[in-house]
C-alpha cells in the first residue's frame, strides 16, 4: 500500500484531477468513502484512468461499486468527447485484469500508449478502451 505522504495528488484533488475534462469520483457507503476513480485528460482527446480503489468489503459483483464507478467515468468521457481511456496496472492484479477486460478494455503494449501518459513505477500491464 502507498502511504498518504507518497500521494501528493490526493492533497489537491481539484488541482490535479479536475482540470480540463478530467474529474474525480468517490463511492460512499456506511458514512464513509468505499471507492474512488479519476480521469486525467491527455492530449489528442485521450485520457488516463487513475486512482481506482474499492474497499475490500465492497468488491465483487454484489456491491457493484467498481462497475458503478467505471460506468460513471466512461459516461463522463463519452459526454466530453474523449476518444480513448488508457490505464496501467501490475501483472499481479489478476482480478483487475478480468474486471477491465469484462468492461471492454483491451490490453495494449506500452509502446502504444500516448506520449503524455504518466507511468507509475508498478505499471507493467496496460489497457485501452475506445470510447464510442
C-alpha atoms as a PDB file:
ATOM      1  CA  UNK A   1       0.000   0.000   0.000  1.00  0.00           C
ATOM      2  CA  UNK A   2       1.075   3.528  -0.716  1.00  0.00           C
ATOM      3  CA  UNK A   3       1.121   5.991   2.145  1.00  0.00           C
ATOM      4  CA  UNK A   4      -0.668   9.347   2.255  1.00  0.00           C
ATOM      5  CA  UNK A   5       2.684  11.130   2.007  1.00  0.00           C
ATOM      6  CA  UNK A   6       3.522   9.251  -1.204  1.00  0.00           C
ATOM      7  CA  UNK A   7       0.370  10.514  -2.940  1.00  0.00           C
ATOM      8  CA  UNK A   8       0.659  14.312  -3.193  1.00  0.00           C
ATOM      9  CA  UNK A   9      -2.036  14.311  -5.889  1.00  0.00           C
ATOM     10  CA  UNK A  10      -4.616  13.413  -3.233  1.00  0.00           C
ATOM     11  CA  UNK A  11      -3.674  16.515  -1.256  1.00  0.00           C
ATOM     12  CA  UNK A  12      -5.021  18.657  -4.138  1.00  0.00           C
ATOM     13  CA  UNK A  13      -7.677  16.649  -5.977  1.00  0.00           C
ATOM     14  CA  UNK A  14      -9.239  19.659  -7.774  1.00  0.00           C
ATOM     15  CA  UNK A  15      -5.847  20.956  -8.874  1.00  0.00           C
ATOM     16  CA  UNK A  16      -4.595  17.621 -10.097  1.00  0.00           C
ATOM     17  CA  UNK A  17      -7.663  15.731 -11.348  1.00  0.00           C
ATOM     18  CA  UNK A  18     -10.390  18.291 -12.087  1.00  0.00           C
ATOM     19  CA  UNK A  19      -8.575  20.040 -14.919  1.00  0.00           C
ATOM     20  CA  UNK A  20      -9.925  20.220 -18.459  1.00  0.00           C
ATOM     21  CA  UNK A  21     -12.150  17.195 -18.982  1.00  0.00           C
ATOM     22  CA  UNK A  22     -10.689  15.343 -16.013  1.00  0.00           C
ATOM     23  CA  UNK A  23     -12.606  14.551 -12.850  1.00  0.00           C
ATOM     24  CA  UNK A  24     -12.538  12.557  -9.598  1.00  0.00           C
ATOM     25  CA  UNK A  25     -15.394  10.493  -8.149  1.00  0.00           C
ATOM     26  CA  UNK A  26     -15.945   8.631  -4.893  1.00  0.00           C
ATOM     27  CA  UNK A  27     -18.425   5.976  -3.811  1.00  0.00           C
ATOM     28  CA  UNK A  28     -19.838   6.318  -0.333  1.00  0.00           C
ATOM     29  CA  UNK A  29     -21.468   3.784   1.979  1.00  0.00           C
ATOM     30  CA  UNK A  30     -21.869   3.420   5.714  1.00  0.00           C
ATOM     31  CA  UNK A  31     -20.902   7.080   6.247  1.00  0.00           C
ATOM     32  CA  UNK A  32     -17.532   6.668   4.563  1.00  0.00           C
ATOM     33  CA  UNK A  33     -15.752   6.520   1.249  1.00  0.00           C
ATOM     34  CA  UNK A  34     -15.564   2.965  -0.087  1.00  0.00           C
ATOM     35  CA  UNK A  35     -14.189   3.627  -3.560  1.00  0.00           C
ATOM     36  CA  UNK A  36     -12.620   6.144  -5.903  1.00  0.00           C
ATOM     37  CA  UNK A  37     -11.773   6.637  -9.554  1.00  0.00           C
ATOM     38  CA  UNK A  38     -10.387   9.510 -11.568  1.00  0.00           C
ATOM     39  CA  UNK A  39      -9.894  10.567 -15.144  1.00  0.00           C
ATOM     40  CA  UNK A  40      -6.967  12.691 -16.312  1.00  0.00           C
ATOM     41  CA  UNK A  41      -7.221  14.425 -19.664  1.00  0.00           C
ATOM     42  CA  UNK A  42      -4.340  13.795 -22.055  1.00  0.00           C
ATOM     43  CA  UNK A  43      -3.611  15.337 -25.460  1.00  0.00           C
ATOM     44  CA  UNK A  44      -5.469  14.362 -28.645  1.00  0.00           C
ATOM     45  CA  UNK A  45      -8.754  13.510 -26.879  1.00  0.00           C
ATOM     46  CA  UNK A  46      -7.083  10.746 -24.875  1.00  0.00           C
ATOM     47  CA  UNK A  47      -7.390  10.220 -21.132  1.00  0.00           C
ATOM     48  CA  UNK A  48      -5.972   8.121 -18.317  1.00  0.00           C
ATOM     49  CA  UNK A  49      -7.887   6.243 -15.653  1.00  0.00           C
ATOM     50  CA  UNK A  50      -6.256   6.750 -12.248  1.00  0.00           C
ATOM     51  CA  UNK A  51      -6.918   6.120  -8.564  1.00  0.00           C
ATOM     52  CA  UNK A  52      -9.336   3.224  -8.939  1.00  0.00           C
ATOM     53  CA  UNK A  53      -9.690   1.809  -5.464  1.00  0.00           C
ATOM     54  CA  UNK A  54     -12.533  -0.139  -3.858  1.00  0.00           C
ATOM     55  CA  UNK A  55     -12.534  -1.213  -0.208  1.00  0.00           C
ATOM     56  CA  UNK A  56     -12.247  -4.997   0.183  1.00  0.00           C
ATOM     57  CA  UNK A  57     -15.731  -5.373   1.686  1.00  0.00           C
ATOM     58  CA  UNK A  58     -17.257  -3.658  -1.362  1.00  0.00           C
ATOM     59  CA  UNK A  59     -15.503  -5.594  -4.118  1.00  0.00           C
ATOM     60  CA  UNK A  60     -17.282  -8.092  -6.284  1.00  0.00           C
ATOM     61  CA  UNK A  61     -20.490  -8.224  -8.233  1.00  0.00           C
ATOM     62  CA  UNK A  62     -22.955  -7.897  -5.362  1.00  0.00           C
ATOM     63  CA  UNK A  63     -21.870  -4.436  -4.274  1.00  0.00           C
ATOM     64  CA  UNK A  64     -21.356  -3.113  -7.793  1.00  0.00           C
ATOM     65  CA  UNK A  65     -19.119  -0.312  -6.554  1.00  0.00           C
ATOM     66  CA  UNK A  66     -16.308  -0.814  -9.075  1.00  0.00           C
ATOM     67  CA  UNK A  67     -18.690  -1.219 -12.015  1.00  0.00           C
ATOM     68  CA  UNK A  68     -20.633   1.874 -10.948  1.00  0.00           C
ATOM     69  CA  UNK A  69     -17.504   3.986 -10.642  1.00  0.00           C
ATOM     70  CA  UNK A  70     -16.216   2.809 -14.008  1.00  0.00           C
ATOM     71  CA  UNK A  71     -19.578   3.444 -15.699  1.00  0.00           C
ATOM     72  CA  UNK A  72     -19.604   6.991 -14.318  1.00  0.00           C
ATOM     73  CA  UNK A  73     -16.093   7.607 -15.648  1.00  0.00           C
ATOM     74  CA  UNK A  74     -16.841   6.158 -19.112  1.00  0.00           C
ATOM     75  CA  UNK A  75     -20.088   8.148 -19.363  1.00  0.00           C
ATOM     76  CA  UNK A  76     -18.173  11.313 -18.493  1.00  0.00           C
ATOM     77  CA  UNK A  77     -15.514  10.543 -21.101  1.00  0.00           C
ATOM     78  CA  UNK A  78     -18.197   9.967 -23.728  1.00  0.00           C
ATOM     79  CA  UNK A  79     -20.112  13.140 -22.776  1.00  0.00           C
ATOM     80  CA  UNK A  80     -16.943  15.234 -23.014  1.00  0.00           C
ATOM     81  CA  UNK A  81     -15.893  13.731 -26.378  1.00  0.00           C
ATOM     82  CA  UNK A  82     -12.805  11.905 -25.169  1.00  0.00           C
ATOM     83  CA  UNK A  83     -11.862   9.132 -27.596  1.00  0.00           C
ATOM     84  CA  UNK A  84      -9.739   6.717 -25.578  1.00  0.00           C
ATOM     85  CA  UNK A  85      -9.102   5.814 -21.949  1.00  0.00           C
ATOM     86  CA  UNK A  86      -5.754   4.259 -21.018  1.00  0.00           C
ATOM     87  CA  UNK A  87      -4.659   2.696 -17.746  1.00  0.00           C
ATOM     88  CA  UNK A  88      -1.708   0.928 -16.236  1.00  0.00           C
ATOM     89  CA  UNK A  89      -1.724  -1.843 -13.668  1.00  0.00           C
ATOM     90  CA  UNK A  90       0.554  -4.599 -12.457  1.00  0.00           C
ATOM     91  CA  UNK A  91       0.741  -8.182 -13.703  1.00  0.00           C
ATOM     92  CA  UNK A  92      -0.119  -9.384 -10.185  1.00  0.00           C
ATOM     93  CA  UNK A  93      -3.654  -7.905 -10.129  1.00  0.00           C
ATOM     94  CA  UNK A  94      -5.433 -10.733 -11.972  1.00  0.00           C
ATOM     95  CA  UNK A  95      -8.890  -9.740 -10.712  1.00  0.00           C
ATOM     96  CA  UNK A  96      -8.338  -6.219 -12.050  1.00  0.00           C
ATOM     97  CA  UNK A  97      -7.356  -7.628 -15.447  1.00  0.00           C
ATOM     98  CA  UNK A  98     -10.580  -9.643 -15.586  1.00  0.00           C
ATOM     99  CA  UNK A  99     -12.604  -6.611 -14.472  1.00  0.00           C
ATOM    100  CA  UNK A 100     -11.194  -4.274 -17.125  1.00  0.00           C
ATOM    101  CA  UNK A 101     -11.457  -6.894 -19.872  1.00  0.00           C
ATOM    102  CA  UNK A 102     -15.065  -7.641 -18.888  1.00  0.00           C
ATOM    103  CA  UNK A 103     -15.808  -3.927 -19.281  1.00  0.00           C
ATOM    104  CA  UNK A 104     -14.388  -3.630 -22.796  1.00  0.00           C
ATOM    105  CA  UNK A 105     -10.757  -2.706 -22.203  1.00  0.00           C
ATOM    106  CA  UNK A 106      -8.155  -4.330 -24.444  1.00  0.00           C
ATOM    107  CA  UNK A 107      -4.592  -4.980 -23.362  1.00  0.00           C
ATOM    108  CA  UNK A 108      -2.061  -2.864 -25.282  1.00  0.00           C
ATOM    109  CA  UNK A 109       1.709  -2.740 -25.401  1.00  0.00           C
ATOM    110  CA  UNK A 110       3.462   0.077 -23.600  1.00  0.00           C
ATOM    111  CA  UNK A 111       4.670   1.442 -26.937  1.00  0.00           C
ATOM    112  CA  UNK A 112       1.057   2.171 -27.969  1.00  0.00           C
ATOM    113  CA  UNK A 113       0.377   4.476 -25.018  1.00  0.00           C
ATOM    114  CA  UNK A 114       0.109   8.212 -25.648  1.00  0.00           C
ATOM    115  CA  UNK A 115       3.367  10.143 -25.186  1.00  0.00           C
ATOM    116  CA  UNK A 116       1.876  12.123 -22.273  1.00  0.00           C
ATOM    117  CA  UNK A 117       0.702   9.028 -20.343  1.00  0.00           C
ATOM    118  CA  UNK A 118       2.419   9.116 -16.947  1.00  0.00           C
ATOM    119  CA  UNK A 119       3.652   5.762 -15.719  1.00  0.00           C
ATOM    120  CA  UNK A 120       3.521   4.521 -12.163  1.00  0.00           C
ATOM    121  CA  UNK A 121       6.564   2.557 -11.004  1.00  0.00           C
ATOM    122  CA  UNK A 122       4.498  -0.617 -10.615  1.00  0.00           C
ATOM    123  CA  UNK A 123       2.795  -0.461 -14.039  1.00  0.00           C
ATOM    124  CA  UNK A 124       3.652  -3.499 -16.158  1.00  0.00           C
ATOM    125  CA  UNK A 125       0.358  -4.145 -17.938  1.00  0.00           C
ATOM    126  CA  UNK A 126      -1.631  -1.588 -19.923  1.00  0.00           C
ATOM    127  CA  UNK A 127      -5.180  -1.317 -21.203  1.00  0.00           C
ATOM    128  CA  UNK A 128      -7.147   0.879 -23.578  1.00  0.00           C
ATOM    129  CA  UNK A 129     -10.868   1.473 -24.016  1.00  0.00           C
ATOM    130  CA  UNK A 130     -12.051   3.142 -27.203  1.00  0.00           C
ATOM    131  CA  UNK A 131     -14.938   5.384 -26.166  1.00  0.00           C
ATOM    132  CA  UNK A 132     -17.740   5.176 -28.727  1.00  0.00           C
END
